[in-house]
């Protein structure tokens, strides 16, 4: 198993590579369709997934259950199922 990424420069590089990959893939989708409705739907889709990610990792930890720390979306799903069982 790989260790945690701890080098700040590598962390920034990884983040900006994700940003570039997102812009390139969205640009290719828009260029392929040339449809403003698809462009708007893509933007809404990306925005909604970003808000969900924020909800799962920030809102839950800071406003709902400050004792639990998530390390990924799978942990978040496990947390939801455990809470539902209570």
PDB file of N, CA and C in Angstrom:
ATOM      1  N   UNK A   1       0.846  -1.177   0.000  1.00  0.00           N
ATOM      2  CA  UNK A   1       0.000   0.000   0.000  1.00  0.00           C
ATOM      3  C   UNK A   1       0.892   1.242   0.000  1.00  0.00           C
ATOM      4  N   UNK A   2       0.437   2.255  -0.669  1.00  0.00           N
ATOM      5  CA  UNK A   2       1.203   3.501  -0.744  1.00  0.00           C
ATOM      6  C   UNK A   2       0.996   4.326   0.519  1.00  0.00           C
ATOM      7  N   UNK A   3       2.023   5.089   0.893  1.00  0.00           N
ATOM      8  CA  UNK A   3       1.915   5.967   2.045  1.00  0.00           C
ATOM      9  C   UNK A   3       1.196   7.252   1.686  1.00  0.00           C
ATOM     10  N   UNK A   4       0.932   8.046   2.696  1.00  0.00           N
ATOM     11  CA  UNK A   4       0.279   9.335   2.484  1.00  0.00           C
ATOM     12  C   UNK A   4       1.218  10.294   1.768  1.00  0.00           C
ATOM     13  N   UNK A   5       0.649  11.106   0.918  1.00  0.00           N
ATOM     14  CA  UNK A   5       1.401  12.143   0.228  1.00  0.00           C
ATOM     15  C   UNK A   5       1.619  13.294   1.208  1.00  0.00           C
ATOM     16  N   UNK A   6       2.885  13.604   1.504  1.00  0.00           N
ATOM     17  CA  UNK A   6       3.166  14.625   2.520  1.00  0.00           C
ATOM     18  C   UNK A   6       3.946  15.818   1.980  1.00  0.00           C
ATOM     19  N   UNK A   7       4.533  15.703   0.814  1.00  0.00           N
ATOM     20  CA  UNK A   7       5.318  16.795   0.249  1.00  0.00           C
ATOM     21  C   UNK A   7       4.359  17.887  -0.259  1.00  0.00           C
ATOM     22  N   UNK A   8       4.436  19.105   0.307  1.00  0.00           N
ATOM     23  CA  UNK A   8       3.505  20.173  -0.116  1.00  0.00           C
ATOM     24  C   UNK A   8       3.555  20.473  -1.607  1.00  0.00           C
ATOM     25  N   UNK A   9       4.729  20.450  -2.204  1.00  0.00           N
ATOM     26  CA  UNK A   9       4.824  20.730  -3.645  1.00  0.00           C
ATOM     27  C   UNK A   9       4.110  19.644  -4.443  1.00  0.00           C
ATOM     28  N   UNK A  10       4.258  18.394  -4.029  1.00  0.00           N
ATOM     29  CA  UNK A  10       3.590  17.296  -4.732  1.00  0.00           C
ATOM     30  C   UNK A  10       2.077  17.377  -4.553  1.00  0.00           C
ATOM     31  N   UNK A  11       1.635  17.816  -3.372  1.00  0.00           N
ATOM     32  CA  UNK A  11       0.196  17.961  -3.121  1.00  0.00           C
ATOM     33  C   UNK A  11      -0.387  19.044  -4.016  1.00  0.00           C
ATOM     34  N   UNK A  12       0.306  20.184  -4.101  1.00  0.00           N
ATOM     35  CA  UNK A  12      -0.153  21.264  -4.998  1.00  0.00           C
ATOM     36  C   UNK A  12      -0.156  20.801  -6.449  1.00  0.00           C
ATOM     37  N   UNK A  13       0.892  20.091  -6.863  1.00  0.00           N
ATOM     38  CA  UNK A  13       0.967  19.583  -8.231  1.00  0.00           C
ATOM     39  C   UNK A  13      -0.207  18.658  -8.525  1.00  0.00           C
ATOM     40  N   UNK A  14      -0.485  17.755  -7.604  1.00  0.00           N
ATOM     41  CA  UNK A  14      -1.604  16.824  -7.779  1.00  0.00           C
ATOM     42  C   UNK A  14      -2.925  17.587  -7.919  1.00  0.00           C
ATOM     43  N   UNK A  15      -3.132  18.593  -7.065  1.00  0.00           N
ATOM     44  CA  UNK A  15      -4.361  19.381  -7.139  1.00  0.00           C
ATOM     45  C   UNK A  15      -4.513  20.102  -8.464  1.00  0.00           C
ATOM     46  N   UNK A  16      -3.423  20.726  -8.922  1.00  0.00           N
ATOM     47  CA  UNK A  16      -3.502  21.448 -10.194  1.00  0.00           C
ATOM     48  C   UNK A  16      -3.628  20.512 -11.384  1.00  0.00           C
ATOM     49  N   UNK A  17      -3.071  19.306 -11.299  1.00  0.00           N
ATOM     50  CA  UNK A  17      -3.264  18.326 -12.364  1.00  0.00           C
ATOM     51  C   UNK A  17      -4.729  17.902 -12.450  1.00  0.00           C
ATOM     52  N   UNK A  18      -5.378  17.742 -11.295  1.00  0.00           N
ATOM     53  CA  UNK A  18      -6.822  17.459 -11.310  1.00  0.00           C
ATOM     54  C   UNK A  18      -7.588  18.604 -11.953  1.00  0.00           C
ATOM     55  N   UNK A  19      -7.229  19.838 -11.622  1.00  0.00           N
ATOM     56  CA  UNK A  19      -7.887  21.009 -12.197  1.00  0.00           C
ATOM     57  C   UNK A  19      -7.709  21.044 -13.715  1.00  0.00           C
ATOM     58  N   UNK A  20      -6.497  20.821 -14.179  1.00  0.00           N
ATOM     59  CA  UNK A  20      -6.221  20.820 -15.619  1.00  0.00           C
ATOM     60  C   UNK A  20      -6.991  19.695 -16.308  1.00  0.00           C
ATOM     61  N   UNK A  21      -6.983  18.500 -15.716  1.00  0.00           N
ATOM     62  CA  UNK A  21      -7.708  17.368 -16.310  1.00  0.00           C
ATOM     63  C   UNK A  21      -9.204  17.668 -16.384  1.00  0.00           C
ATOM     64  N   UNK A  22      -9.745  18.331 -15.367  1.00  0.00           N
ATOM     65  CA  UNK A  22     -11.156  18.700 -15.384  1.00  0.00           C
ATOM     66  C   UNK A  22     -11.475  19.688 -16.490  1.00  0.00           C
ATOM     67  N   UNK A  23     -10.636  20.719 -16.626  1.00  0.00           N
ATOM     68  CA  UNK A  23     -10.856  21.705 -17.693  1.00  0.00           C
ATOM     69  C   UNK A  23     -10.723  21.075 -19.080  1.00  0.00           C
ATOM     70  N   UNK A  24      -9.724  20.232 -19.262  1.00  0.00           N
ATOM     71  CA  UNK A  24      -9.515  19.594 -20.570  1.00  0.00           C
ATOM     72  C   UNK A  24     -10.693  18.682 -20.901  1.00  0.00           C
ATOM     73  N   UNK A  25     -11.110  17.851 -19.951  1.00  0.00           N
ATOM     74  CA  UNK A  25     -12.212  16.926 -20.246  1.00  0.00           C
ATOM     75  C   UNK A  25     -13.523  17.683 -20.487  1.00  0.00           C
ATOM     76  N   UNK A  26     -13.799  18.712 -19.684  1.00  0.00           N
ATOM     77  CA  UNK A  26     -15.010  19.508 -19.913  1.00  0.00           C
ATOM     78  C   UNK A  26     -14.939  20.222 -21.260  1.00  0.00           C
ATOM     79  N   UNK A  27     -13.777  20.757 -21.586  1.00  0.00           N
ATOM     80  CA  UNK A  27     -13.602  21.427 -22.878  1.00  0.00           C
ATOM     81  C   UNK A  27     -13.815  20.489 -24.045  1.00  0.00           C
ATOM     82  N   UNK A  28     -13.333  19.264 -23.921  1.00  0.00           N
ATOM     83  CA  UNK A  28     -13.527  18.287 -24.994  1.00  0.00           C
ATOM     84  C   UNK A  28     -14.997  17.891 -25.135  1.00  0.00           C
ATOM     85  N   UNK A  29     -15.703  17.771 -24.015  1.00  0.00           N
ATOM     86  CA  UNK A  29     -17.136  17.455 -24.079  1.00  0.00           C
ATOM     87  C   UNK A  29     -17.895  18.590 -24.760  1.00  0.00           C
ATOM     88  N   UNK A  30     -17.604  19.828 -24.369  1.00  0.00           N
ATOM     89  CA  UNK A  30     -18.272  20.987 -24.970  1.00  0.00           C
ATOM     90  C   UNK A  30     -17.921  21.094 -26.450  1.00  0.00           C
ATOM     91  N   UNK A  31     -16.653  20.896 -26.796  1.00  0.00           N
ATOM     92  CA  UNK A  31     -16.227  20.987 -28.198  1.00  0.00           C
ATOM     93  C   UNK A  31     -16.875  19.903 -29.052  1.00  0.00           C
ATOM     94  N   UNK A  32     -17.084  18.730 -28.476  1.00  0.00           N
ATOM     95  CA  UNK A  32     -17.675  17.625 -29.234  1.00  0.00           C
ATOM     96  C   UNK A  32     -19.173  17.830 -29.466  1.00  0.00           C
ATOM     97  N   UNK A  33     -19.867  18.434 -28.511  1.00  0.00           N
ATOM     98  CA  UNK A  33     -21.317  18.575 -28.645  1.00  0.00           C
ATOM     99  C   UNK A  33     -21.740  19.904 -29.257  1.00  0.00           C
ATOM    100  N   UNK A  34     -21.013  20.978 -28.983  1.00  0.00           N
ATOM    101  CA  UNK A  34     -21.372  22.330 -29.442  1.00  0.00           C
ATOM    102  C   UNK A  34     -22.819  22.676 -29.117  1.00  0.00           C
ATOM    103  N   UNK A  35     -23.257  22.270 -27.932  1.00  0.00           N
ATOM    104  CA  UNK A  35     -24.641  22.499 -27.522  1.00  0.00           C
ATOM    105  C   UNK A  35     -24.628  23.233 -26.184  1.00  0.00           C
ATOM    106  N   UNK A  36     -25.270  24.401 -26.121  1.00  0.00           N
ATOM    107  CA  UNK A  36     -25.236  25.193 -24.897  1.00  0.00           C
ATOM    108  C   UNK A  36     -25.952  24.489 -23.759  1.00  0.00           C
ATOM    109  N   UNK A  37     -26.978  23.677 -24.057  1.00  0.00           N
ATOM    110  CA  UNK A  37     -27.694  22.957 -23.006  1.00  0.00           C
ATOM    111  C   UNK A  37     -26.789  21.904 -22.353  1.00  0.00           C
ATOM    112  N   UNK A  38     -26.019  21.202 -23.160  1.00  0.00           N
ATOM    113  CA  UNK A  38     -25.075  20.223 -22.622  1.00  0.00           C
ATOM    114  C   UNK A  38     -24.022  20.930 -21.771  1.00  0.00           C
ATOM    115  N   UNK A  39     -23.578  22.099 -22.225  1.00  0.00           N
ATOM    116  CA  UNK A  39     -22.593  22.868 -21.474  1.00  0.00           C
ATOM    117  C   UNK A  39     -23.139  23.285 -20.113  1.00  0.00           C
ATOM    118  N   UNK A  40     -24.364  23.763 -20.088  1.00  0.00           N
ATOM    119  CA  UNK A  40     -24.980  24.171 -18.819  1.00  0.00           C
ATOM    120  C   UNK A  40     -25.191  22.964 -17.911  1.00  0.00           C
ATOM    121  N   UNK A  41     -25.689  21.860 -18.460  1.00  0.00           N
ATOM    122  CA  UNK A  41     -25.889  20.652 -17.662  1.00  0.00           C
ATOM    123  C   UNK A  41     -24.572  20.126 -17.103  1.00  0.00           C
ATOM    124  N   UNK A  42     -23.510  20.188 -17.898  1.00  0.00           N
ATOM    125  CA  UNK A  42     -22.193  19.759 -17.416  1.00  0.00           C
ATOM    126  C   UNK A  42     -21.729  20.645 -16.268  1.00  0.00           C
ATOM    127  N   UNK A  43     -21.916  21.950 -16.402  1.00  0.00           N
ATOM    128  CA  UNK A  43     -21.512  22.871 -15.339  1.00  0.00           C
ATOM    129  C   UNK A  43     -22.313  22.623 -14.062  1.00  0.00           C
ATOM    130  N   UNK A  44     -23.617  22.400 -14.186  1.00  0.00           N
ATOM    131  CA  UNK A  44     -24.454  22.121 -13.018  1.00  0.00           C
ATOM    132  C   UNK A  44     -24.044  20.792 -12.378  1.00  0.00           C
ATOM    133  N   UNK A  45     -23.776  19.801 -13.201  1.00  0.00           N
ATOM    134  CA  UNK A  45     -23.351  18.488 -12.705  1.00  0.00           C
ATOM    135  C   UNK A  45     -22.063  18.603 -11.884  1.00  0.00           C
ATOM    136  N   UNK A  46     -21.075  19.289 -12.427  1.00  0.00           N
ATOM    137  CA  UNK A  46     -19.801  19.459 -11.724  1.00  0.00           C
ATOM    138  C   UNK A  46     -20.010  20.244 -10.434  1.00  0.00           C
ATOM    139  N   UNK A  47     -20.787  21.314 -10.490  1.00  0.00           N
ATOM    140  CA  UNK A  47     -21.039  22.128  -9.304  1.00  0.00           C
ATOM    141  C   UNK A  47     -21.723  21.299  -8.210  1.00  0.00           C
ATOM    142  N   UNK A  48     -22.716  20.490  -8.596  1.00  0.00           N
ATOM    143  CA  UNK A  48     -23.441  19.680  -7.612  1.00  0.00           C
ATOM    144  C   UNK A  48     -22.542  18.635  -6.969  1.00  0.00           C
ATOM    145  N   UNK A  49     -21.697  17.979  -7.755  1.00  0.00           N
ATOM    146  CA  UNK A  49     -20.777  17.002  -7.172  1.00  0.00           C
ATOM    147  C   UNK A  49     -19.770  17.672  -6.239  1.00  0.00           C
ATOM    148  N   UNK A  50     -19.329  18.857  -6.583  1.00  0.00           N
ATOM    149  CA  UNK A  50     -18.424  19.597  -5.694  1.00  0.00           C
ATOM    150  C   UNK A  50     -19.114  19.955  -4.393  1.00  0.00           C
ATOM    151  N   UNK A  51     -20.354  20.381  -4.452  1.00  0.00           N
ATOM    152  CA  UNK A  51     -21.103  20.717  -3.244  1.00  0.00           C
ATOM    153  C   UNK A  51     -21.348  19.467  -2.382  1.00  0.00           C
ATOM    154  N   UNK A  52     -21.608  18.322  -3.015  1.00  0.00           N
ATOM    155  CA  UNK A  52     -21.791  17.087  -2.260  1.00  0.00           C
ATOM    156  C   UNK A  52     -20.497  16.707  -1.546  1.00  0.00           C
ATOM    157  N   UNK A  53     -19.391  16.826  -2.236  1.00  0.00           N
ATOM    158  CA  UNK A  53     -18.093  16.508  -1.640  1.00  0.00           C
ATOM    159  C   UNK A  53     -17.843  17.413  -0.436  1.00  0.00           C
ATOM    160  N   UNK A  54     -18.136  18.701  -0.570  1.00  0.00           N
ATOM    161  CA  UNK A  54     -18.017  19.655   0.536  1.00  0.00           C
ATOM    162  C   UNK A  54     -18.928  19.239   1.686  1.00  0.00           C
ATOM    163  N   UNK A  55     -20.146  18.865   1.372  1.00  0.00           N
ATOM    164  CA  UNK A  55     -21.096  18.413   2.378  1.00  0.00           C
ATOM    165  C   UNK A  55     -20.566  17.191   3.114  1.00  0.00           C
ATOM    166  N   UNK A  56     -20.068  16.203   2.356  1.00  0.00           N
ATOM    167  CA  UNK A  56     -19.620  14.949   2.961  1.00  0.00           C
ATOM    168  C   UNK A  56     -18.413  15.149   3.869  1.00  0.00           C
ATOM    169  N   UNK A  57     -17.516  16.043   3.522  1.00  0.00           N
ATOM    170  CA  UNK A  57     -16.273  16.143   4.283  1.00  0.00           C
ATOM    171  C   UNK A  57     -16.185  17.362   5.185  1.00  0.00           C
ATOM    172  N   UNK A  58     -16.922  18.405   4.929  1.00  0.00           N
ATOM    173  CA  UNK A  58     -16.816  19.584   5.783  1.00  0.00           C
ATOM    174  C   UNK A  58     -18.060  19.747   6.652  1.00  0.00           C
ATOM    175  N   UNK A  59     -19.204  19.760   6.034  1.00  0.00           N
ATOM    176  CA  UNK A  59     -20.443  20.026   6.779  1.00  0.00           C
ATOM    177  C   UNK A  59     -20.689  18.939   7.823  1.00  0.00           C
ATOM    178  N   UNK A  60     -20.575  17.670   7.441  1.00  0.00           N
ATOM    179  CA  UNK A  60     -20.819  16.588   8.391  1.00  0.00           C
ATOM    180  C   UNK A  60     -19.834  16.662   9.550  1.00  0.00           C
ATOM    181  N   UNK A  61     -18.543  16.843   9.256  1.00  0.00           N
ATOM    182  CA  UNK A  61     -17.533  16.865  10.309  1.00  0.00           C
ATOM    183  C   UNK A  61     -17.645  18.079  11.218  1.00  0.00           C
ATOM    184  N   UNK A  62     -18.027  19.235  10.688  1.00  0.00           N
ATOM    185  CA  UNK A  62     -18.017  20.458  11.485  1.00  0.00           C
ATOM    186  C   UNK A  62     -19.365  20.831  12.091  1.00  0.00           C
ATOM    187  N   UNK A  63     -20.469  20.331  11.512  1.00  0.00           N
ATOM    188  CA  UNK A  63     -21.784  20.747  11.996  1.00  0.00           C
ATOM    189  C   UNK A  63     -22.656  19.597  12.497  1.00  0.00           C
ATOM    190  N   UNK A  64     -22.382  18.371  12.066  1.00  0.00           N
ATOM    191  CA  UNK A  64     -23.246  17.254  12.443  1.00  0.00           C
ATOM    192  C   UNK A  64     -22.578  16.352  13.475  1.00  0.00           C
ATOM    193  N   UNK A  65     -21.371  15.881  13.176  1.00  0.00           N
ATOM    194  CA  UNK A  65     -20.689  14.929  14.051  1.00  0.00           C
ATOM    195  C   UNK A  65     -19.201  15.264  14.074  1.00  0.00           C
ATOM    196  N   UNK A  66     -18.806  16.103  15.013  1.00  0.00           N
ATOM    197  CA  UNK A  66     -17.410  16.558  15.037  1.00  0.00           C
ATOM    198  C   UNK A  66     -16.446  15.520  15.602  1.00  0.00           C
ATOM    199  N   UNK A  67     -16.949  14.366  16.007  1.00  0.00           N
ATOM    200  CA  UNK A  67     -16.070  13.301  16.496  1.00  0.00           C
ATOM    201  C   UNK A  67     -15.576  12.388  15.380  1.00  0.00           C
ATOM    202  N   UNK A  68     -16.224  12.411  14.238  1.00  0.00           N
ATOM    203  CA  UNK A  68     -15.876  11.476  13.172  1.00  0.00           C
ATOM    204  C   UNK A  68     -15.082  12.174  12.080  1.00  0.00           C
ATOM    205  N   UNK A  69     -14.035  11.522  11.605  1.00  0.00           N
ATOM    206  CA  UNK A  69     -13.211  12.048  10.509  1.00  0.00           C
ATOM    207  C   UNK A  69     -13.260  11.058   9.350  1.00  0.00           C
ATOM    208  N   UNK A  70     -13.628  11.552   8.195  1.00  0.00           N
ATOM    209  CA  UNK A  70     -13.724  10.720   7.004  1.00  0.00           C
ATOM    210  C   UNK A  70     -12.404  10.735   6.257  1.00  0.00           C
ATOM    211  N   UNK A  71     -12.030   9.598   5.708  1.00  0.00           N
ATOM    212  CA  UNK A  71     -10.825   9.561   4.898  1.00  0.00           C
ATOM    213  C   UNK A  71     -11.159   9.321   3.425  1.00  0.00           C
ATOM    214  N   UNK A  72     -12.420   9.172   3.114  1.00  0.00           N
ATOM    215  CA  UNK A  72     -12.825   8.975   1.732  1.00  0.00           C
ATOM    216  C   UNK A  72     -14.331   8.808   1.644  1.00  0.00           C
ATOM    217  N   UNK A  73     -14.838   8.777   0.437  1.00  0.00           N
ATOM    218  CA  UNK A  73     -16.280   8.657   0.244  1.00  0.00           C
ATOM    219  C   UNK A  73     -16.815   7.314   0.721  1.00  0.00           C
ATOM    220  N   UNK A  74     -15.991   6.266   0.657  1.00  0.00           N
ATOM    221  CA  UNK A  74     -16.422   4.961   1.158  1.00  0.00           C
ATOM    222  C   UNK A  74     -16.648   5.039   2.665  1.00  0.00           C
ATOM    223  N   UNK A  75     -15.762   5.732   3.384  1.00  0.00           N
ATOM    224  CA  UNK A  75     -15.967   5.926   4.827  1.00  0.00           C
ATOM    225  C   UNK A  75     -17.234   6.720   5.101  1.00  0.00           C
ATOM    226  N   UNK A  76     -17.523   7.690   4.258  1.00  0.00           N
ATOM    227  CA  UNK A  76     -18.745   8.477   4.427  1.00  0.00           C
ATOM    228  C   UNK A  76     -19.978   7.593   4.265  1.00  0.00           C
ATOM    229  N   UNK A  77     -19.983   6.714   3.266  1.00  0.00           N
ATOM    230  CA  UNK A  77     -21.116   5.806   3.049  1.00  0.00           C
ATOM    231  C   UNK A  77     -21.256   4.852   4.234  1.00  0.00           C
ATOM    232  N   UNK A  78     -20.138   4.312   4.725  1.00  0.00           N
ATOM    233  CA  UNK A  78     -20.183   3.445   5.909  1.00  0.00           C
ATOM    234  C   UNK A  78     -20.772   4.196   7.103  1.00  0.00           C
ATOM    235  N   UNK A  79     -20.352   5.433   7.282  1.00  0.00           N
ATOM    236  CA  UNK A  79     -20.869   6.268   8.371  1.00  0.00           C
ATOM    237  C   UNK A  79     -22.380   6.427   8.259  1.00  0.00           C
ATOM    238  N   UNK A  80     -22.868   6.679   7.039  1.00  0.00           N
ATOM    239  CA  UNK A  80     -24.310   6.850   6.841  1.00  0.00           C
ATOM    240  C   UNK A  80     -25.076   5.582   7.195  1.00  0.00           C
ATOM    241  N   UNK A  81     -24.553   4.420   6.779  1.00  0.00           N
ATOM    242  CA  UNK A  81     -25.234   3.162   7.077  1.00  0.00           C
ATOM    243  C   UNK A  81     -25.196   2.847   8.569  1.00  0.00           C
ATOM    244  N   UNK A  82     -24.091   3.171   9.232  1.00  0.00           N
ATOM    245  CA  UNK A  82     -24.007   2.941  10.677  1.00  0.00           C
ATOM    246  C   UNK A  82     -24.968   3.845  11.429  1.00  0.00           C
ATOM    247  N   UNK A  83     -25.085   5.098  10.991  1.00  0.00           N
ATOM    248  CA  UNK A  83     -26.002   6.034  11.642  1.00  0.00           C
ATOM    249  C   UNK A  83     -27.447   5.621  11.450  1.00  0.00           C
ATOM    250  N   UNK A  84     -27.732   5.083  10.270  1.00  0.00           N
ATOM    251  CA  UNK A  84     -29.101   4.678   9.963  1.00  0.00           C
ATOM    252  C   UNK A  84     -29.530   3.504  10.840  1.00  0.00           C
ATOM    253  N   UNK A  85     -28.568   2.687  11.239  1.00  0.00           N
ATOM    254  CA  UNK A  85     -28.865   1.534  12.087  1.00  0.00           C
ATOM    255  C   UNK A  85     -29.161   1.889  13.522  1.00  0.00           C
ATOM    256  N   UNK A  86     -28.835   3.107  13.940  1.00  0.00           N
ATOM    257  CA  UNK A  86     -29.067   3.522  15.341  1.00  0.00           C
ATOM    258  C   UNK A  86     -30.498   3.878  15.606  1.00  0.00           C
TER     259      UNK A  86
END
